[in-house]
């Protein structure tokens, strides 16, 4: 375990990992982000994308430590809207905090899941929005540099967009950062790719489009997507251009039609590349 670690990501929008050894499932990362924004804690929506998620759920299918549920309603208020309102009221505020750990409940031993990330601090600095996540225990591969960097930087982008300011640095303070033995080969092997710099056509799609400013409406549409899937009608360009095509592509694979979908339907070129690489890694 060693000493607490602080690491900083300077370009948080470069959140998609292109590593042929890690072989991240891009569909799970995107769908889990929508699930979090929806404030959900039922594992049902996520199971088609990863059966392993079921191990974190209680017998009733609820994930106790679900981050989005903690963000949106667990503590009796929508904390995402709360930090947006606080920083809109006072750009220099030091009170823009999201809490995820509940000491009244999470210390109990019977839970299959407790929040690893416990608090999030937001601040405007140099005109941009910085975000710092405090973490009680986190593994490097699956958590810190895998799923968490996707979900958390999307949250940072959402708050920054609402405040009409650029995304600043993404910082993580981990009290117990660790790596599992079966992941040692990922650290010892330098094989990786940085397509954001190597290929000029790889870019993220903004979470809110140029004519989209209603964060609450966006969050409501995430809730609707978790309930209704791609059959609903959505105004969000990110849901229409990223979430829906990726959802449909994965369902094609799940139904055995892995060669019938067209990844060019995914408008975010970073996620599109991740889809193509994942198809290559798993089909060859």
C-alpha atoms as a PDB file:
ATOM      1  CA  UNK A   1       0.000   0.000   0.000  1.00  0.00           C
ATOM      2  CA  UNK A   2       2.724   2.515   0.841  1.00  0.00           C
ATOM      3  CA  UNK A   3       2.054   6.228   1.184  1.00  0.00           C
ATOM      4  CA  UNK A   4      -0.988   8.113  -0.124  1.00  0.00           C
ATOM      5  CA  UNK A   5      -0.605   9.047  -3.785  1.00  0.00           C
ATOM      6  CA  UNK A   6      -1.713  12.155  -5.677  1.00  0.00           C
ATOM      7  CA  UNK A   7      -1.768  12.072  -9.459  1.00  0.00           C
ATOM      8  CA  UNK A   8      -2.978  14.650 -11.961  1.00  0.00           C
ATOM      9  CA  UNK A   9      -4.440  14.338 -15.447  1.00  0.00           C
ATOM     10  CA  UNK A  10      -3.830  17.547 -17.386  1.00  0.00           C
ATOM     11  CA  UNK A  11      -6.166  16.707 -20.307  1.00  0.00           C
ATOM     12  CA  UNK A  12      -9.172  14.983 -18.672  1.00  0.00           C
ATOM     13  CA  UNK A  13     -11.130  14.736 -21.929  1.00  0.00           C
ATOM     14  CA  UNK A  14      -8.521  12.270 -23.177  1.00  0.00           C
ATOM     15  CA  UNK A  15     -10.264   9.620 -21.110  1.00  0.00           C
ATOM     16  CA  UNK A  16     -10.428   6.638 -23.475  1.00  0.00           C
ATOM     17  CA  UNK A  17      -7.688   4.040 -22.970  1.00  0.00           C
ATOM     18  CA  UNK A  18      -6.247   2.461 -26.127  1.00  0.00           C
ATOM     19  CA  UNK A  19      -4.168  -0.390 -24.767  1.00  0.00           C
ATOM     20  CA  UNK A  20      -4.143  -3.801 -26.484  1.00  0.00           C
ATOM     21  CA  UNK A  21      -3.102  -5.525 -23.263  1.00  0.00           C
ATOM     22  CA  UNK A  22      -5.738  -3.897 -21.070  1.00  0.00           C
ATOM     23  CA  UNK A  23      -8.526  -4.393 -23.638  1.00  0.00           C
ATOM     24  CA  UNK A  24     -11.003  -2.055 -21.936  1.00  0.00           C
ATOM     25  CA  UNK A  25     -14.655  -2.675 -22.711  1.00  0.00           C
ATOM     26  CA  UNK A  26     -15.720   0.733 -24.104  1.00  0.00           C
ATOM     27  CA  UNK A  27     -19.398  -0.190 -24.017  1.00  0.00           C
ATOM     28  CA  UNK A  28     -19.374  -0.800 -20.281  1.00  0.00           C
ATOM     29  CA  UNK A  29     -17.545   2.478 -19.619  1.00  0.00           C
ATOM     30  CA  UNK A  30     -20.045   4.550 -21.602  1.00  0.00           C
ATOM     31  CA  UNK A  31     -23.149   2.781 -20.298  1.00  0.00           C
ATOM     32  CA  UNK A  32     -21.946   2.963 -16.715  1.00  0.00           C
ATOM     33  CA  UNK A  33     -21.462   6.711 -17.159  1.00  0.00           C
ATOM     34  CA  UNK A  34     -25.074   7.104 -18.325  1.00  0.00           C
ATOM     35  CA  UNK A  35     -26.198   4.880 -15.432  1.00  0.00           C
ATOM     36  CA  UNK A  36     -24.365   7.127 -12.975  1.00  0.00           C
ATOM     37  CA  UNK A  37     -25.777  10.342 -14.405  1.00  0.00           C
ATOM     38  CA  UNK A  38     -29.216   8.739 -14.137  1.00  0.00           C
ATOM     39  CA  UNK A  39     -28.669   8.313 -10.391  1.00  0.00           C
ATOM     40  CA  UNK A  40     -29.328   4.577 -10.613  1.00  0.00           C
ATOM     41  CA  UNK A  41     -28.319   1.874  -8.168  1.00  0.00           C
ATOM     42  CA  UNK A  42     -29.999  -1.189  -9.701  1.00  0.00           C
ATOM     43  CA  UNK A  43     -27.488  -3.439 -11.459  1.00  0.00           C
ATOM     44  CA  UNK A  44     -30.001  -4.643 -14.067  1.00  0.00           C
ATOM     45  CA  UNK A  45     -29.102  -2.072 -16.740  1.00  0.00           C
ATOM     46  CA  UNK A  46     -25.378  -2.929 -16.535  1.00  0.00           C
ATOM     47  CA  UNK A  47     -25.544  -6.725 -16.556  1.00  0.00           C
ATOM     48  CA  UNK A  48     -25.681  -7.149 -20.370  1.00  0.00           C
ATOM     49  CA  UNK A  49     -22.380  -5.237 -20.581  1.00  0.00           C
ATOM     50  CA  UNK A  50     -20.655  -7.048 -17.719  1.00  0.00           C
ATOM     51  CA  UNK A  51     -21.981 -10.022 -15.783  1.00  0.00           C
ATOM     52  CA  UNK A  52     -19.247  -9.339 -13.221  1.00  0.00           C
ATOM     53  CA  UNK A  53     -21.174  -6.268 -12.064  1.00  0.00           C
ATOM     54  CA  UNK A  54     -23.622  -8.650 -10.422  1.00  0.00           C
ATOM     55  CA  UNK A  55     -20.983  -9.528  -7.816  1.00  0.00           C
ATOM     56  CA  UNK A  56     -21.245  -5.992  -6.418  1.00  0.00           C
ATOM     57  CA  UNK A  57     -25.013  -6.094  -6.024  1.00  0.00           C
ATOM     58  CA  UNK A  58     -27.022  -7.148  -3.004  1.00  0.00           C
ATOM     59  CA  UNK A  59     -29.583  -9.977  -3.328  1.00  0.00           C
ATOM     60  CA  UNK A  60     -32.236  -7.424  -4.358  1.00  0.00           C
ATOM     61  CA  UNK A  61     -30.065  -6.228  -7.268  1.00  0.00           C
ATOM     62  CA  UNK A  62     -29.097  -2.911  -5.664  1.00  0.00           C
ATOM     63  CA  UNK A  63     -25.454  -1.799  -5.606  1.00  0.00           C
ATOM     64  CA  UNK A  64     -24.958  -0.134  -2.237  1.00  0.00           C
ATOM     65  CA  UNK A  65     -22.019   2.061  -3.253  1.00  0.00           C
ATOM     66  CA  UNK A  66     -23.349   3.191  -6.656  1.00  0.00           C
ATOM     67  CA  UNK A  67     -21.720   6.582  -7.259  1.00  0.00           C
ATOM     68  CA  UNK A  68     -24.485   8.082  -9.364  1.00  0.00           C
ATOM     69  CA  UNK A  69     -27.117   7.278  -6.764  1.00  0.00           C
ATOM     70  CA  UNK A  70     -24.924   8.982  -4.159  1.00  0.00           C
ATOM     71  CA  UNK A  71     -24.515  11.991  -6.465  1.00  0.00           C
ATOM     72  CA  UNK A  72     -28.159  12.411  -7.328  1.00  0.00           C
ATOM     73  CA  UNK A  73     -30.426  11.384  -4.440  1.00  0.00           C
ATOM     74  CA  UNK A  74     -28.960   9.182  -1.693  1.00  0.00           C
ATOM     75  CA  UNK A  75     -28.298  12.069   0.691  1.00  0.00           C
ATOM     76  CA  UNK A  76     -31.639  13.738   0.015  1.00  0.00           C
ATOM     77  CA  UNK A  77     -30.443  16.219  -2.607  1.00  0.00           C
ATOM     78  CA  UNK A  78     -29.014  16.354  -6.109  1.00  0.00           C
ATOM     79  CA  UNK A  79     -25.357  17.066  -5.390  1.00  0.00           C
ATOM     80  CA  UNK A  80     -24.469  17.643  -9.055  1.00  0.00           C
ATOM     81  CA  UNK A  81     -26.928  20.513  -9.282  1.00  0.00           C
ATOM     82  CA  UNK A  82     -25.768  21.628  -5.847  1.00  0.00           C
ATOM     83  CA  UNK A  83     -22.128  22.162  -6.840  1.00  0.00           C
ATOM     84  CA  UNK A  84     -23.190  23.864 -10.067  1.00  0.00           C
ATOM     85  CA  UNK A  85     -25.420  26.281  -8.159  1.00  0.00           C
ATOM     86  CA  UNK A  86     -22.744  26.893  -5.526  1.00  0.00           C
ATOM     87  CA  UNK A  87     -20.030  27.807  -8.045  1.00  0.00           C
ATOM     88  CA  UNK A  88     -22.467  29.885 -10.086  1.00  0.00           C
ATOM     89  CA  UNK A  89     -23.271  31.789  -6.885  1.00  0.00           C
ATOM     90  CA  UNK A  90     -19.632  32.183  -5.848  1.00  0.00           C
ATOM     91  CA  UNK A  91     -16.911  31.213  -8.364  1.00  0.00           C
ATOM     92  CA  UNK A  92     -14.351  31.331  -5.524  1.00  0.00           C
ATOM     93  CA  UNK A  93     -16.341  29.039  -3.255  1.00  0.00           C
ATOM     94  CA  UNK A  94     -14.576  26.251  -1.370  1.00  0.00           C
ATOM     95  CA  UNK A  95     -17.898  24.614  -0.528  1.00  0.00           C
ATOM     96  CA  UNK A  96     -18.436  22.841  -3.875  1.00  0.00           C
ATOM     97  CA  UNK A  97     -18.165  19.299  -2.532  1.00  0.00           C
ATOM     98  CA  UNK A  98     -19.858  16.020  -3.456  1.00  0.00           C
ATOM     99  CA  UNK A  99     -19.898  13.347  -0.761  1.00  0.00           C
ATOM    100  CA  UNK A 100     -20.145   9.648  -1.590  1.00  0.00           C
ATOM    101  CA  UNK A 101     -19.270   7.786   1.624  1.00  0.00           C
ATOM    102  CA  UNK A 102     -21.921   7.369   4.296  1.00  0.00           C
ATOM    103  CA  UNK A 103     -20.286   6.596   7.664  1.00  0.00           C
ATOM    104  CA  UNK A 104     -23.669   5.679   9.126  1.00  0.00           C
ATOM    105  CA  UNK A 105     -24.013   2.745   6.724  1.00  0.00           C
ATOM    106  CA  UNK A 106     -20.879   1.928   4.762  1.00  0.00           C
ATOM    107  CA  UNK A 107     -18.764   0.716   7.685  1.00  0.00           C
ATOM    108  CA  UNK A 108     -21.094  -2.249   8.110  1.00  0.00           C
ATOM    109  CA  UNK A 109     -19.582  -5.533   6.972  1.00  0.00           C
ATOM    110  CA  UNK A 110     -22.462  -7.055   5.044  1.00  0.00           C
ATOM    111  CA  UNK A 111     -22.269  -4.869   1.928  1.00  0.00           C
ATOM    112  CA  UNK A 112     -20.932  -6.318  -1.330  1.00  0.00           C
ATOM    113  CA  UNK A 113     -19.866  -2.832  -2.378  1.00  0.00           C
ATOM    114  CA  UNK A 114     -18.888   0.401  -0.652  1.00  0.00           C
ATOM    115  CA  UNK A 115     -17.749   3.617  -2.328  1.00  0.00           C
ATOM    116  CA  UNK A 116     -14.008   3.575  -3.008  1.00  0.00           C
ATOM    117  CA  UNK A 117     -14.126   7.221  -4.074  1.00  0.00           C
ATOM    118  CA  UNK A 118     -15.407   9.112  -1.051  1.00  0.00           C
ATOM    119  CA  UNK A 119     -15.427  12.863  -1.840  1.00  0.00           C
ATOM    120  CA  UNK A 120     -15.111  15.160  -4.851  1.00  0.00           C
ATOM    121  CA  UNK A 121     -13.911  18.749  -4.605  1.00  0.00           C
ATOM    122  CA  UNK A 122     -14.533  21.317  -7.354  1.00  0.00           C
ATOM    123  CA  UNK A 123     -12.832  24.679  -7.722  1.00  0.00           C
ATOM    124  CA  UNK A 124     -12.447  27.302 -10.393  1.00  0.00           C
ATOM    125  CA  UNK A 125      -8.783  28.105 -10.913  1.00  0.00           C
ATOM    126  CA  UNK A 126      -7.271  30.205 -13.668  1.00  0.00           C
ATOM    127  CA  UNK A 127     -10.660  30.381 -15.353  1.00  0.00           C
ATOM    128  CA  UNK A 128     -11.022  26.593 -15.611  1.00  0.00           C
ATOM    129  CA  UNK A 129     -12.752  23.982 -13.443  1.00  0.00           C
ATOM    130  CA  UNK A 130     -10.397  21.694 -11.531  1.00  0.00           C
ATOM    131  CA  UNK A 131     -11.713  18.585  -9.817  1.00  0.00           C
ATOM    132  CA  UNK A 132     -10.089  16.510  -7.068  1.00  0.00           C
ATOM    133  CA  UNK A 133     -11.347  13.058  -6.094  1.00  0.00           C
ATOM    134  CA  UNK A 134     -10.460  11.574  -2.701  1.00  0.00           C
ATOM    135  CA  UNK A 135     -10.187   7.814  -2.677  1.00  0.00           C
ATOM    136  CA  UNK A 136      -9.909   5.447   0.274  1.00  0.00           C
ATOM    137  CA  UNK A 137      -8.703   2.441  -1.790  1.00  0.00           C
ATOM    138  CA  UNK A 138      -8.248   2.051  -5.525  1.00  0.00           C
ATOM    139  CA  UNK A 139      -6.547  -0.354  -7.897  1.00  0.00           C
ATOM    140  CA  UNK A 140      -4.597   1.246 -10.734  1.00  0.00           C
ATOM    141  CA  UNK A 141      -5.797  -0.868 -13.656  1.00  0.00           C
ATOM    142  CA  UNK A 142      -9.530  -1.493 -13.269  1.00  0.00           C
ATOM    143  CA  UNK A 143     -10.330   1.538 -11.147  1.00  0.00           C
ATOM    144  CA  UNK A 144      -8.130   4.627 -11.191  1.00  0.00           C
ATOM    145  CA  UNK A 145      -6.930   4.433 -14.808  1.00  0.00           C
ATOM    146  CA  UNK A 146      -9.764   2.309 -16.126  1.00  0.00           C
ATOM    147  CA  UNK A 147     -13.382   2.998 -15.284  1.00  0.00           C
ATOM    148  CA  UNK A 148     -13.034   5.851 -12.782  1.00  0.00           C
ATOM    149  CA  UNK A 149     -11.225   8.243 -15.091  1.00  0.00           C
ATOM    150  CA  UNK A 150     -14.074   7.933 -17.616  1.00  0.00           C
ATOM    151  CA  UNK A 151     -16.943   8.476 -15.183  1.00  0.00           C
ATOM    152  CA  UNK A 152     -15.286  11.148 -13.098  1.00  0.00           C
ATOM    153  CA  UNK A 153     -13.979  13.283 -15.965  1.00  0.00           C
ATOM    154  CA  UNK A 154     -17.404  13.204 -17.599  1.00  0.00           C
ATOM    155  CA  UNK A 155     -18.804  14.561 -14.325  1.00  0.00           C
ATOM    156  CA  UNK A 156     -16.120  17.251 -14.368  1.00  0.00           C
ATOM    157  CA  UNK A 157     -16.979  18.136 -17.966  1.00  0.00           C
ATOM    158  CA  UNK A 158     -20.685  18.354 -17.158  1.00  0.00           C
ATOM    159  CA  UNK A 159     -20.140  20.777 -14.279  1.00  0.00           C
ATOM    160  CA  UNK A 160     -17.637  22.845 -16.297  1.00  0.00           C
ATOM    161  CA  UNK A 161     -20.048  23.093 -19.232  1.00  0.00           C
ATOM    162  CA  UNK A 162     -22.844  24.224 -16.925  1.00  0.00           C
ATOM    163  CA  UNK A 163     -20.539  26.945 -15.587  1.00  0.00           C
ATOM    164  CA  UNK A 164     -19.432  27.910 -19.112  1.00  0.00           C
ATOM    165  CA  UNK A 165     -15.762  27.382 -18.364  1.00  0.00           C
ATOM    166  CA  UNK A 166     -13.049  25.041 -19.682  1.00  0.00           C
ATOM    167  CA  UNK A 167     -12.196  21.733 -18.058  1.00  0.00           C
ATOM    168  CA  UNK A 168      -9.094  22.102 -15.908  1.00  0.00           C
ATOM    169  CA  UNK A 169      -7.020  19.400 -14.223  1.00  0.00           C
ATOM    170  CA  UNK A 170      -8.374  16.135 -12.852  1.00  0.00           C
ATOM    171  CA  UNK A 171      -6.672  15.145  -9.617  1.00  0.00           C
ATOM    172  CA  UNK A 172      -6.945  11.943  -7.592  1.00  0.00           C
ATOM    173  CA  UNK A 173      -5.717  11.479  -4.046  1.00  0.00           C
ATOM    174  CA  UNK A 174      -5.674   7.787  -3.206  1.00  0.00           C
ATOM    175  CA  UNK A 175      -5.002   6.687   0.355  1.00  0.00           C
ATOM    176  CA  UNK A 176      -4.316   3.118  -0.772  1.00  0.00           C
ATOM    177  CA  UNK A 177      -3.398   2.880  -4.456  1.00  0.00           C
ATOM    178  CA  UNK A 178      -2.536  -0.687  -5.424  1.00  0.00           C
ATOM    179  CA  UNK A 179      -2.186  -3.141  -8.291  1.00  0.00           C
ATOM    180  CA  UNK A 180      -3.154  -6.795  -8.323  1.00  0.00           C
ATOM    181  CA  UNK A 181      -0.455  -9.361  -9.063  1.00  0.00           C
ATOM    182  CA  UNK A 182      -2.168 -10.607 -12.233  1.00  0.00           C
ATOM    183  CA  UNK A 183      -1.901  -7.074 -13.642  1.00  0.00           C
ATOM    184  CA  UNK A 184       1.882  -6.763 -13.222  1.00  0.00           C
ATOM    185  CA  UNK A 185       2.441  -7.582 -16.895  1.00  0.00           C
ATOM    186  CA  UNK A 186       0.511  -4.455 -17.869  1.00  0.00           C
ATOM    187  CA  UNK A 187       3.029  -2.273 -16.071  1.00  0.00           C
ATOM    188  CA  UNK A 188       6.090  -4.169 -17.230  1.00  0.00           C
ATOM    189  CA  UNK A 189       5.068  -4.122 -20.890  1.00  0.00           C
ATOM    190  CA  UNK A 190       5.302  -0.653 -22.498  1.00  0.00           C
ATOM    191  CA  UNK A 191       2.981  -1.530 -25.388  1.00  0.00           C
ATOM    192  CA  UNK A 192       0.350   1.186 -25.545  1.00  0.00           C
ATOM    193  CA  UNK A 193      -0.982   3.809 -27.901  1.00  0.00           C
ATOM    194  CA  UNK A 194      -1.804   7.474 -27.541  1.00  0.00           C
ATOM    195  CA  UNK A 195      -4.186   8.003 -30.431  1.00  0.00           C
ATOM    196  CA  UNK A 196      -5.159  11.463 -29.217  1.00  0.00           C
ATOM    197  CA  UNK A 197      -1.702  12.676 -30.246  1.00  0.00           C
ATOM    198  CA  UNK A 198      -0.847  10.195 -32.991  1.00  0.00           C
ATOM    199  CA  UNK A 199      -4.063  10.534 -34.999  1.00  0.00           C
ATOM    200  CA  UNK A 200      -5.493  13.992 -35.535  1.00  0.00           C
ATOM    201  CA  UNK A 201      -9.001  12.677 -36.277  1.00  0.00           C
ATOM    202  CA  UNK A 202      -9.485  11.197 -32.797  1.00  0.00           C
ATOM    203  CA  UNK A 203     -11.430  13.622 -30.629  1.00  0.00           C
ATOM    204  CA  UNK A 204     -14.126  13.443 -27.947  1.00  0.00           C
ATOM    205  CA  UNK A 205     -17.676  14.589 -28.613  1.00  0.00           C
ATOM    206  CA  UNK A 206     -18.751  17.293 -26.128  1.00  0.00           C
ATOM    207  CA  UNK A 207     -21.081  16.026 -23.432  1.00  0.00           C
ATOM    208  CA  UNK A 208     -23.391  18.964 -24.118  1.00  0.00           C
ATOM    209  CA  UNK A 209     -23.612  20.315 -27.646  1.00  0.00           C
ATOM    210  CA  UNK A 210     -23.290  23.948 -28.686  1.00  0.00           C
ATOM    211  CA  UNK A 211     -27.028  24.596 -28.308  1.00  0.00           C
ATOM    212  CA  UNK A 212     -27.480  22.456 -25.201  1.00  0.00           C
ATOM    213  CA  UNK A 213     -27.204  24.209 -21.849  1.00  0.00           C
ATOM    214  CA  UNK A 214     -29.835  22.575 -19.651  1.00  0.00           C
ATOM    215  CA  UNK A 215     -27.902  20.182 -17.406  1.00  0.00           C
ATOM    216  CA  UNK A 216     -31.030  19.073 -15.573  1.00  0.00           C
ATOM    217  CA  UNK A 217     -32.676  18.115 -18.877  1.00  0.00           C
ATOM    218  CA  UNK A 218     -29.563  16.128 -19.820  1.00  0.00           C
ATOM    219  CA  UNK A 219     -29.638  14.249 -16.510  1.00  0.00           C
ATOM    220  CA  UNK A 220     -33.343  13.532 -17.005  1.00  0.00           C
ATOM    221  CA  UNK A 221     -32.602  12.099 -20.443  1.00  0.00           C
ATOM    222  CA  UNK A 222     -29.960   9.823 -18.926  1.00  0.00           C
ATOM    223  CA  UNK A 223     -32.639   8.591 -16.520  1.00  0.00           C
ATOM    224  CA  UNK A 224     -34.997   8.023 -19.456  1.00  0.00           C
ATOM    225  CA  UNK A 225     -32.359   6.089 -21.376  1.00  0.00           C
ATOM    226  CA  UNK A 226     -31.743   3.712 -18.485  1.00  0.00           C
ATOM    227  CA  UNK A 227     -35.506   3.092 -18.329  1.00  0.00           C
ATOM    228  CA  UNK A 228     -36.325   2.975 -22.047  1.00  0.00           C
ATOM    229  CA  UNK A 229     -33.102   2.369 -23.942  1.00  0.00           C
ATOM    230  CA  UNK A 230     -32.712   3.593 -27.541  1.00  0.00           C
ATOM    231  CA  UNK A 231     -36.456   3.468 -28.192  1.00  0.00           C
ATOM    232  CA  UNK A 232     -36.978   6.836 -26.513  1.00  0.00           C
ATOM    233  CA  UNK A 233     -36.707  10.289 -28.075  1.00  0.00           C
ATOM    234  CA  UNK A 234     -33.737  12.351 -26.919  1.00  0.00           C
ATOM    235  CA  UNK A 235     -32.532  15.895 -27.530  1.00  0.00           C
ATOM    236  CA  UNK A 236     -29.003  15.210 -26.274  1.00  0.00           C
ATOM    237  CA  UNK A 237     -26.441  15.046 -29.070  1.00  0.00           C
ATOM    238  CA  UNK A 238     -24.187  12.895 -26.859  1.00  0.00           C
ATOM    239  CA  UNK A 239     -26.921  10.346 -26.210  1.00  0.00           C
ATOM    240  CA  UNK A 240     -27.899  10.303 -29.886  1.00  0.00           C
ATOM    241  CA  UNK A 241     -24.342  10.332 -31.229  1.00  0.00           C
ATOM    242  CA  UNK A 242     -22.530   8.104 -28.733  1.00  0.00           C
ATOM    243  CA  UNK A 243     -24.762   6.255 -26.304  1.00  0.00           C
ATOM    244  CA  UNK A 244     -27.472   4.998 -28.668  1.00  0.00           C
ATOM    245  CA  UNK A 245     -25.169   3.695 -31.438  1.00  0.00           C
ATOM    246  CA  UNK A 246     -22.799   2.066 -28.958  1.00  0.00           C
ATOM    247  CA  UNK A 247     -25.727   0.461 -27.135  1.00  0.00           C
ATOM    248  CA  UNK A 248     -27.093  -0.894 -30.415  1.00  0.00           C
ATOM    249  CA  UNK A 249     -23.676  -2.123 -31.557  1.00  0.00           C
ATOM    250  CA  UNK A 250     -23.144  -4.048 -28.351  1.00  0.00           C
ATOM    251  CA  UNK A 251     -26.596  -5.610 -28.538  1.00  0.00           C
ATOM    252  CA  UNK A 252     -25.772  -6.742 -32.076  1.00  0.00           C
ATOM    253  CA  UNK A 253     -22.693  -8.481 -30.712  1.00  0.00           C
ATOM    254  CA  UNK A 254     -24.696  -9.981 -27.859  1.00  0.00           C
ATOM    255  CA  UNK A 255     -27.165 -11.416 -30.382  1.00  0.00           C
ATOM    256  CA  UNK A 256     -24.390 -12.950 -32.485  1.00  0.00           C
ATOM    257  CA  UNK A 257     -24.448 -10.285 -35.228  1.00  0.00           C
ATOM    258  CA  UNK A 258     -20.964  -8.973 -34.559  1.00  0.00           C
ATOM    259  CA  UNK A 259     -20.256  -8.192 -38.222  1.00  0.00           C
ATOM    260  CA  UNK A 260     -23.456  -6.321 -39.043  1.00  0.00           C
ATOM    261  CA  UNK A 261     -23.030  -2.987 -37.286  1.00  0.00           C
ATOM    262  CA  UNK A 262     -21.261   0.121 -38.569  1.00  0.00           C
ATOM    263  CA  UNK A 263     -19.097   1.926 -35.993  1.00  0.00           C
ATOM    264  CA  UNK A 264     -19.109   5.108 -38.107  1.00  0.00           C
ATOM    265  CA  UNK A 265     -22.507   5.728 -36.498  1.00  0.00           C
ATOM    266  CA  UNK A 266     -20.622   6.573 -33.301  1.00  0.00           C
ATOM    267  CA  UNK A 267     -19.876  10.275 -33.743  1.00  0.00           C
ATOM    268  CA  UNK A 268     -17.203  10.526 -31.036  1.00  0.00           C
ATOM    269  CA  UNK A 269     -14.088   9.423 -32.878  1.00  0.00           C
ATOM    270  CA  UNK A 270     -12.283   8.355 -29.689  1.00  0.00           C
ATOM    271  CA  UNK A 271     -15.066   5.961 -28.702  1.00  0.00           C
ATOM    272  CA  UNK A 272     -15.420   4.833 -32.320  1.00  0.00           C
ATOM    273  CA  UNK A 273     -11.741   3.892 -32.384  1.00  0.00           C
ATOM    274  CA  UNK A 274     -12.149   2.112 -29.036  1.00  0.00           C
ATOM    275  CA  UNK A 275     -15.006   0.098 -30.536  1.00  0.00           C
ATOM    276  CA  UNK A 276     -12.939  -0.874 -33.565  1.00  0.00           C
ATOM    277  CA  UNK A 277      -9.953  -1.867 -31.462  1.00  0.00           C
ATOM    278  CA  UNK A 278     -12.107  -3.859 -29.049  1.00  0.00           C
ATOM    279  CA  UNK A 279     -13.666  -5.685 -32.013  1.00  0.00           C
ATOM    280  CA  UNK A 280     -10.197  -6.442 -33.361  1.00  0.00           C
ATOM    281  CA  UNK A 281      -8.903  -7.681 -29.989  1.00  0.00           C
ATOM    282  CA  UNK A 282     -11.895  -9.913 -29.329  1.00  0.00           C
ATOM    283  CA  UNK A 283     -12.680 -11.247 -32.802  1.00  0.00           C
ATOM    284  CA  UNK A 284      -9.194 -12.248 -33.929  1.00  0.00           C
END
